[in-house]
Amino acid sequence: MPGREPVDMPRTGDVDHRSVTPRRKVRRRVVMMAVPGLVLLGAMSGAAFLPKVANHVGYALPGEKGLPYRIHYNGRDYRSDATCAGARWCEDERTPEQRLKPYCTSRAALDRMRGNNGTGLVKVDDLFTLFGPSRSVFTAGALPPGETVATIIVEDSADCYLTYALMGGP
């Protein structure tokens, strides 16, 4: 247009570093820090579903046969040879006799094993289950305060109980 002077247009690639505001710098820095943090959080969340982690920490995984081989109750560790939260090493280490035994025991079979008309199961704790209902922990009969029991019983599902034996000495 006549009477106007041409204006220099910035070329692509020419960036004036003074145009980046401090707010944008902070936002960029937050995004650059958040992305690795979210990736790490996702990896840790996925690791929580690994049988090795569940067995080590002592919580149950969702689904069938999700109980860990070791659980912690009343300051002591208890172990079951029947389960290991689905870990392959557990099945490989079982003897042929252990493989023939059923996974769990019914309430009636618990009564027969104990030799009485009722096991007198007393709920003493709950076992945390990842993304599922907690599992009840029982003792056979009332436990006097300060006493340690040799076995505890965990309810895996309706009428399916697993017995855990005390690990270590008195």
Protein backbone atom coordinates (compact mmCIF):
# COMPACT_ATOMS: atom_id res chain seq x y z
CA MET A 1 0.00 0.00 0.00
CA PRO A 2 1.25 3.42 -0.77
CA GLY A 3 2.57 5.44 2.14
CA ARG A 4 3.28 2.48 4.40
CA GLU A 5 6.65 1.01 5.03
CA PRO A 6 7.09 -2.74 4.86
CA VAL A 7 7.35 -4.51 8.22
CA ASP A 8 9.93 -7.23 8.67
CA MET A 9 8.15 -10.52 9.42
CA PRO A 10 10.04 -12.90 11.71
CA ARG A 11 11.29 -15.93 9.88
CA THR A 12 10.58 -19.44 11.05
CA GLY A 13 13.39 -20.49 13.29
CA ASP A 14 14.11 -17.00 14.56
CA VAL A 15 13.06 -17.14 18.20
CA ASP A 16 13.42 -14.23 20.50
CA HIS A 17 14.42 -15.87 23.79
CA ARG A 18 13.14 -12.86 25.67
CA SER A 19 9.58 -13.75 24.62
CA VAL A 20 9.51 -16.91 26.81
CA THR A 21 7.90 -15.81 30.04
CA PRO A 22 8.97 -17.10 33.43
CA ARG A 23 5.55 -18.74 33.77
CA ARG A 24 6.14 -20.80 30.62
CA LYS A 25 9.55 -21.85 31.88
CA VAL A 26 8.01 -23.07 35.13
CA ARG A 27 5.24 -24.90 33.27
CA ARG A 28 7.78 -26.62 31.02
CA ARG A 29 9.87 -27.62 34.00
CA VAL A 30 6.81 -29.08 35.79
CA VAL A 31 5.83 -31.09 32.73
CA MET A 32 9.38 -32.38 32.29
CA MET A 33 9.43 -33.51 35.95
CA ALA A 34 5.91 -34.98 35.93
CA VAL A 35 6.35 -37.28 32.94
CA PRO A 36 9.13 -39.45 34.47
CA GLY A 37 7.24 -39.47 37.78
CA LEU A 38 4.09 -40.77 36.10
CA VAL A 39 6.06 -43.43 34.25
CA LEU A 40 7.64 -44.56 37.54
CA LEU A 41 4.26 -44.60 39.29
CA GLY A 42 2.79 -46.71 36.48
CA ALA A 43 5.65 -49.20 36.71
CA MET A 44 5.25 -49.49 40.48
CA SER A 45 1.50 -49.99 40.13
CA GLY A 46 2.08 -52.81 37.67
CA ALA A 47 4.66 -54.40 39.96
CA ALA A 48 2.08 -54.60 42.75
CA PHE A 49 0.29 -57.33 40.75
CA LEU A 50 3.39 -59.54 40.53
CA PRO A 51 3.21 -62.69 42.70
CA LYS A 52 6.80 -62.14 43.87
CA VAL A 53 5.89 -58.76 45.36
CA ALA A 54 2.64 -60.05 46.92
CA ASN A 55 4.48 -62.99 48.51
CA HIS A 56 7.26 -60.77 49.86
CA VAL A 57 4.96 -58.10 51.32
CA GLY A 58 2.25 -60.55 52.41
CA TYR A 59 -0.95 -59.38 50.73
CA ALA A 60 -3.39 -61.31 48.56
CA LEU A 61 -3.89 -60.84 44.83
CA PRO A 62 -7.39 -60.76 43.37
CA GLY A 63 -8.83 -63.92 41.91
CA GLU A 64 -8.55 -67.60 42.53
CA LYS A 65 -5.50 -68.86 44.44
CA GLY A 66 -4.30 -65.33 45.14
CA LEU A 67 -3.22 -65.89 48.75
CA PRO A 68 0.50 -65.39 49.46
CA TYR A 69 2.66 -68.15 50.91
CA ARG A 70 3.64 -65.97 53.90
CA ILE A 71 1.45 -63.65 55.93
CA HIS A 72 2.13 -61.57 59.01
CA TYR A 73 -0.17 -61.76 62.03
CA ASN A 74 0.30 -60.63 65.63
CA GLY A 75 3.98 -59.83 65.15
CA ARG A 76 4.82 -63.25 63.67
CA ASP A 77 5.11 -64.79 60.20
CA TYR A 78 3.02 -67.77 59.10
CA ARG A 79 3.52 -69.95 56.02
CA SER A 80 1.35 -72.20 53.86
CA ASP A 81 2.72 -74.75 51.41
CA ALA A 82 -0.56 -74.80 49.48
CA THR A 83 -0.39 -71.32 47.98
CA CYS A 84 1.95 -68.61 46.77
CA ALA A 85 -0.22 -66.02 44.97
CA GLY A 86 0.15 -67.86 41.67
CA ALA A 87 3.95 -67.81 41.50
CA ARG A 88 5.43 -70.49 39.28
CA TRP A 89 8.32 -71.35 41.62
CA CYS A 90 5.83 -72.47 44.25
CA GLU A 91 4.27 -75.09 42.00
CA ASP A 92 7.70 -76.29 40.84
CA GLU A 93 8.95 -76.82 44.43
CA ARG A 94 5.94 -78.81 45.62
CA THR A 95 6.44 -82.52 46.19
CA PRO A 96 4.15 -85.07 44.49
CA GLU A 97 2.36 -85.59 47.82
CA GLN A 98 1.74 -81.86 48.17
CA ARG A 99 0.42 -81.68 44.60
CA LEU A 100 -2.16 -84.36 45.37
CA LYS A 101 -3.51 -82.45 48.37
CA PRO A 102 -6.48 -80.17 47.63
CA TYR A 103 -5.85 -76.43 47.53
CA CYS A 104 -8.18 -75.64 50.40
CA THR A 105 -10.20 -77.30 53.13
CA SER A 106 -13.94 -77.01 53.75
CA ARG A 107 -15.36 -75.99 57.12
CA ALA A 108 -16.62 -79.55 57.67
CA ALA A 109 -13.15 -80.98 56.96
CA LEU A 110 -11.63 -78.49 59.43
CA ASP A 111 -14.08 -79.77 62.05
CA ARG A 112 -13.10 -83.40 61.35
CA MET A 113 -9.37 -82.56 61.51
CA ARG A 114 -9.78 -80.84 64.85
CA GLY A 115 -11.91 -83.70 66.22
CA ASN A 116 -14.82 -81.65 67.48
CA ASN A 117 -18.29 -80.60 66.40
CA GLY A 118 -17.26 -77.03 65.69
CA THR A 119 -13.89 -75.49 65.07
CA GLY A 120 -14.81 -72.47 67.10
CA LEU A 121 -13.13 -70.23 64.56
CA VAL A 122 -12.55 -66.77 65.97
CA LYS A 123 -11.90 -63.95 63.51
CA VAL A 124 -8.75 -62.14 64.59
CA ASP A 125 -7.66 -60.12 61.56
CA ASP A 126 -8.19 -59.31 57.89
CA LEU A 127 -5.70 -59.95 55.09
CA PHE A 128 -5.47 -57.10 52.58
CA THR A 129 -6.38 -58.03 49.02
CA LEU A 130 -5.25 -55.84 46.14
CA PHE A 131 -8.42 -54.57 44.38
CA GLY A 132 -10.68 -57.07 46.11
CA PRO A 133 -12.42 -57.83 49.38
CA SER A 134 -10.15 -58.57 52.31
CA ARG A 135 -9.82 -62.18 53.46
CA SER A 136 -10.66 -63.12 57.05
CA VAL A 137 -7.98 -64.55 59.34
CA PHE A 138 -9.11 -66.93 62.11
CA THR A 139 -7.71 -68.85 65.04
CA ALA A 140 -9.20 -72.10 66.29
CA GLY A 141 -10.68 -70.97 69.59
CA ALA A 142 -10.16 -67.82 71.60
CA LEU A 143 -6.62 -66.55 71.97
CA PRO A 144 -5.54 -65.24 75.37
CA PRO A 145 -3.86 -61.81 75.22
CA GLY A 146 -0.12 -62.01 74.59
CA GLU A 147 -0.23 -65.62 73.39
CA THR A 148 1.04 -66.85 70.01
CA VAL A 149 -0.84 -69.55 68.14
CA ALA A 150 0.91 -72.26 66.13
CA THR A 151 -1.58 -72.11 63.23
CA ILE A 152 -3.96 -69.60 61.76
CA ILE A 153 -6.68 -70.17 59.20
CA VAL A 154 -7.43 -67.88 56.26
CA GLU A 155 -10.70 -67.94 54.37
CA ASP A 156 -9.94 -67.80 50.65
CA SER A 157 -13.54 -68.00 49.44
CA ALA A 158 -16.89 -69.41 50.55
CA ASP A 159 -16.16 -72.68 52.39
CA CYS A 160 -12.50 -72.69 51.31
CA TYR A 161 -9.96 -72.34 54.13
CA LEU A 162 -6.16 -72.52 54.14
CA THR A 163 -4.07 -73.29 57.20
CA TYR A 164 -0.87 -71.34 57.84
CA ALA A 165 1.80 -72.63 60.25
CA LEU A 166 4.03 -70.48 62.46
CA MET A 167 7.49 -69.82 61.00
CA GLY A 168 10.56 -69.72 63.20
CA GLY A 169 10.89 -70.59 66.86
CA PRO A 170 9.03 -69.41 69.95
